[in-house]
Amino acid sequence: MISKKKIQWMILTVVIILIVFISYKYFFRETIKNEAESKVATELTMNEAIEIGRVKVKEWSKEANLLKIISQDETMGGTRGETGKRYIWNLYFSDPKKW
């Protein structure tokens, strides 16, 4: 026969495991939710898009120059450029030394 003390320890162990599991699930879900929220598209001004593009293009070439920038996002809603901001900016860079 199993002693009362052993049963209490088993119940306590199960409760602790459940608490840890539920806490982990809650924390993990919040982490995923926060990551997803941080990846939500936001409207950018042309200058903000250029700055982001320059940082990324420097990984490719230190000498790259901006050739052209075009905005496009008519199907995404938002302000559609009325405030000078857009969701999508196409930036074209060129490096004369790589031609």
C-alpha atoms as a PDB file:
ATOM      1  CA  MET A   1       0.000   0.000   0.000  1.00  0.00           C
ATOM      2  CA  ILE A   2       1.209   3.510  -0.833  1.00  0.00           C
ATOM      3  CA  SER A   3       1.750   5.730   2.162  1.00  0.00           C
ATOM      4  CA  LYS A   4      -0.065   9.017   2.632  1.00  0.00           C
ATOM      5  CA  LYS A   5       3.204  10.928   2.455  1.00  0.00           C
ATOM      6  CA  LYS A   6       4.087   9.362  -0.916  1.00  0.00           C
ATOM      7  CA  ILE A   7       0.690  10.320  -2.347  1.00  0.00           C
ATOM      8  CA  GLN A   8       1.138  13.890  -1.120  1.00  0.00           C
ATOM      9  CA  TRP A   9       4.554  14.112  -2.782  1.00  0.00           C
ATOM     10  CA  MET A  10       3.168  12.701  -6.030  1.00  0.00           C
ATOM     11  CA  ILE A  11       0.316  15.236  -6.029  1.00  0.00           C
ATOM     12  CA  LEU A  12       2.731  18.055  -5.226  1.00  0.00           C
ATOM     13  CA  THR A  13       5.044  16.952  -8.043  1.00  0.00           C
ATOM     14  CA  VAL A  14       2.171  16.852 -10.540  1.00  0.00           C
ATOM     15  CA  VAL A  15       0.963  20.293  -9.434  1.00  0.00           C
ATOM     16  CA  ILE A  16       4.461  21.762  -9.791  1.00  0.00           C
ATOM     17  CA  ILE A  17       4.858  20.224 -13.246  1.00  0.00           C
ATOM     18  CA  LEU A  18       1.488  21.644 -14.292  1.00  0.00           C
ATOM     19  CA  ILE A  19       2.388  25.102 -12.995  1.00  0.00           C
ATOM     20  CA  VAL A  20       5.704  25.047 -14.847  1.00  0.00           C
ATOM     21  CA  PHE A  21       4.049  23.794 -18.041  1.00  0.00           C
ATOM     22  CA  ILE A  22       1.240  26.377 -17.943  1.00  0.00           C
ATOM     23  CA  SER A  23       3.691  29.187 -17.141  1.00  0.00           C
ATOM     24  CA  TYR A  24       5.927  28.161 -20.023  1.00  0.00           C
ATOM     25  CA  LYS A  25       2.995  27.984 -22.460  1.00  0.00           C
ATOM     26  CA  TYR A  26       1.788  31.423 -21.383  1.00  0.00           C
ATOM     27  CA  PHE A  27       5.263  32.963 -21.641  1.00  0.00           C
ATOM     28  CA  PHE A  28       5.955  31.327 -25.013  1.00  0.00           C
ATOM     29  CA  ARG A  29       2.599  32.487 -26.405  1.00  0.00           C
ATOM     30  CA  GLU A  30       3.284  36.069 -25.266  1.00  0.00           C
ATOM     31  CA  THR A  31       6.731  35.956 -26.882  1.00  0.00           C
ATOM     32  CA  ILE A  32       5.280  34.823 -30.206  1.00  0.00           C
ATOM     33  CA  LYS A  33       2.558  37.459 -29.963  1.00  0.00           C
ATOM     34  CA  ASN A  34       5.123  40.209 -29.300  1.00  0.00           C
ATOM     35  CA  GLU A  35       7.318  39.060 -32.188  1.00  0.00           C
ATOM     36  CA  ALA A  36       4.335  39.024 -34.539  1.00  0.00           C
ATOM     37  CA  GLU A  37       3.293  42.507 -33.442  1.00  0.00           C
ATOM     38  CA  SER A  38       6.792  43.829 -34.062  1.00  0.00           C
ATOM     39  CA  LYS A  39       6.693  42.543 -37.642  1.00  0.00           C
ATOM     40  CA  VAL A  40       3.455  44.303 -38.499  1.00  0.00           C
ATOM     41  CA  ALA A  41       3.930  46.607 -41.480  1.00  0.00           C
ATOM     42  CA  THR A  42       4.096  50.282 -40.645  1.00  0.00           C
ATOM     43  CA  GLU A  43       3.985  53.245 -42.961  1.00  0.00           C
ATOM     44  CA  LEU A  44       7.307  55.019 -43.504  1.00  0.00           C
ATOM     45  CA  THR A  45       8.247  58.388 -44.919  1.00  0.00           C
ATOM     46  CA  MET A  46      10.545  58.447 -47.925  1.00  0.00           C
ATOM     47  CA  ASN A  47      13.449  59.612 -45.740  1.00  0.00           C
ATOM     48  CA  GLU A  48      12.870  56.771 -43.250  1.00  0.00           C
ATOM     49  CA  ALA A  49      12.842  54.254 -46.117  1.00  0.00           C
ATOM     50  CA  ILE A  50      16.060  55.698 -47.546  1.00  0.00           C
ATOM     51  CA  GLU A  51      17.821  55.494 -44.167  1.00  0.00           C
ATOM     52  CA  ILE A  52      16.770  51.854 -43.701  1.00  0.00           C
ATOM     53  CA  GLY A  53      17.849  51.080 -47.267  1.00  0.00           C
ATOM     54  CA  ARG A  54      21.251  52.734 -46.824  1.00  0.00           C
ATOM     55  CA  VAL A  55      21.980  50.683 -43.725  1.00  0.00           C
ATOM     56  CA  LYS A  56      21.108  47.445 -45.553  1.00  0.00           C
ATOM     57  CA  VAL A  57      22.905  48.331 -48.806  1.00  0.00           C
ATOM     58  CA  LYS A  58      26.152  49.056 -46.919  1.00  0.00           C
ATOM     59  CA  GLU A  59      26.300  45.297 -46.228  1.00  0.00           C
ATOM     60  CA  TRP A  60      26.452  44.812 -49.999  1.00  0.00           C
ATOM     61  CA  SER A  61      28.669  47.750 -50.958  1.00  0.00           C
ATOM     62  CA  LYS A  62      30.117  50.736 -49.141  1.00  0.00           C
ATOM     63  CA  GLU A  63      30.120  52.759 -52.390  1.00  0.00           C
ATOM     64  CA  ALA A  64      26.499  52.148 -53.418  1.00  0.00           C
ATOM     65  CA  ASN A  65      24.376  55.164 -54.319  1.00  0.00           C
ATOM     66  CA  LEU A  66      20.620  55.559 -54.471  1.00  0.00           C
ATOM     67  CA  LEU A  67      19.417  55.635 -58.087  1.00  0.00           C
ATOM     68  CA  LYS A  68      15.658  55.681 -57.768  1.00  0.00           C
ATOM     69  CA  ILE A  69      12.911  55.318 -55.190  1.00  0.00           C
ATOM     70  CA  ILE A  70       9.290  54.410 -55.932  1.00  0.00           C
ATOM     71  CA  SER A  71       6.356  53.996 -53.570  1.00  0.00           C
ATOM     72  CA  GLN A  72       3.671  51.390 -54.090  1.00  0.00           C
ATOM     73  CA  ASP A  73       0.903  50.172 -51.803  1.00  0.00           C
ATOM     74  CA  GLU A  74      -2.492  50.999 -53.260  1.00  0.00           C
ATOM     75  CA  THR A  75      -4.015  47.762 -51.950  1.00  0.00           C
ATOM     76  CA  MET A  76      -2.770  48.009 -48.368  1.00  0.00           C
ATOM     77  CA  GLY A  77      -5.039  50.748 -47.064  1.00  0.00           C
ATOM     78  CA  GLY A  78      -3.525  53.180 -44.629  1.00  0.00           C
ATOM     79  CA  THR A  79      -3.092  56.794 -45.683  1.00  0.00           C
ATOM     80  CA  ARG A  80      -2.076  55.892 -49.245  1.00  0.00           C
ATOM     81  CA  GLY A  81       0.540  58.609 -49.233  1.00  0.00           C
ATOM     82  CA  GLU A  82      -1.683  61.451 -48.051  1.00  0.00           C
ATOM     83  CA  THR A  83       0.602  61.998 -45.040  1.00  0.00           C
ATOM     84  CA  GLY A  84       3.781  61.384 -47.024  1.00  0.00           C
ATOM     85  CA  LYS A  85       4.007  57.840 -45.686  1.00  0.00           C
ATOM     86  CA  ARG A  86       3.750  54.513 -47.510  1.00  0.00           C
ATOM     87  CA  TYR A  87       3.952  50.842 -46.593  1.00  0.00           C
ATOM     88  CA  ILE A  88       6.132  49.827 -49.544  1.00  0.00           C
ATOM     89  CA  TRP A  89       9.103  51.694 -50.945  1.00  0.00           C
ATOM     90  CA  ASN A  90      11.210  50.234 -53.767  1.00  0.00           C
ATOM     91  CA  LEU A  91      14.769  51.519 -53.548  1.00  0.00           C
ATOM     92  CA  TYR A  92      17.262  50.998 -56.351  1.00  0.00           C
ATOM     93  CA  PHE A  93      20.962  51.275 -55.542  1.00  0.00           C
ATOM     94  CA  SER A  94      23.983  50.977 -57.792  1.00  0.00           C
ATOM     95  CA  ASP A  95      27.708  50.660 -57.263  1.00  0.00           C
ATOM     96  CA  PRO A  96      29.726  51.954 -60.234  1.00  0.00           C
ATOM     97  CA  LYS A  97      32.694  49.767 -59.255  1.00  0.00           C
ATOM     98  CA  LYS A  98      30.649  46.568 -59.536  1.00  0.00           C
ATOM     99  CA  TRP A  99      29.542  47.124 -63.145  1.00  0.00           C
END
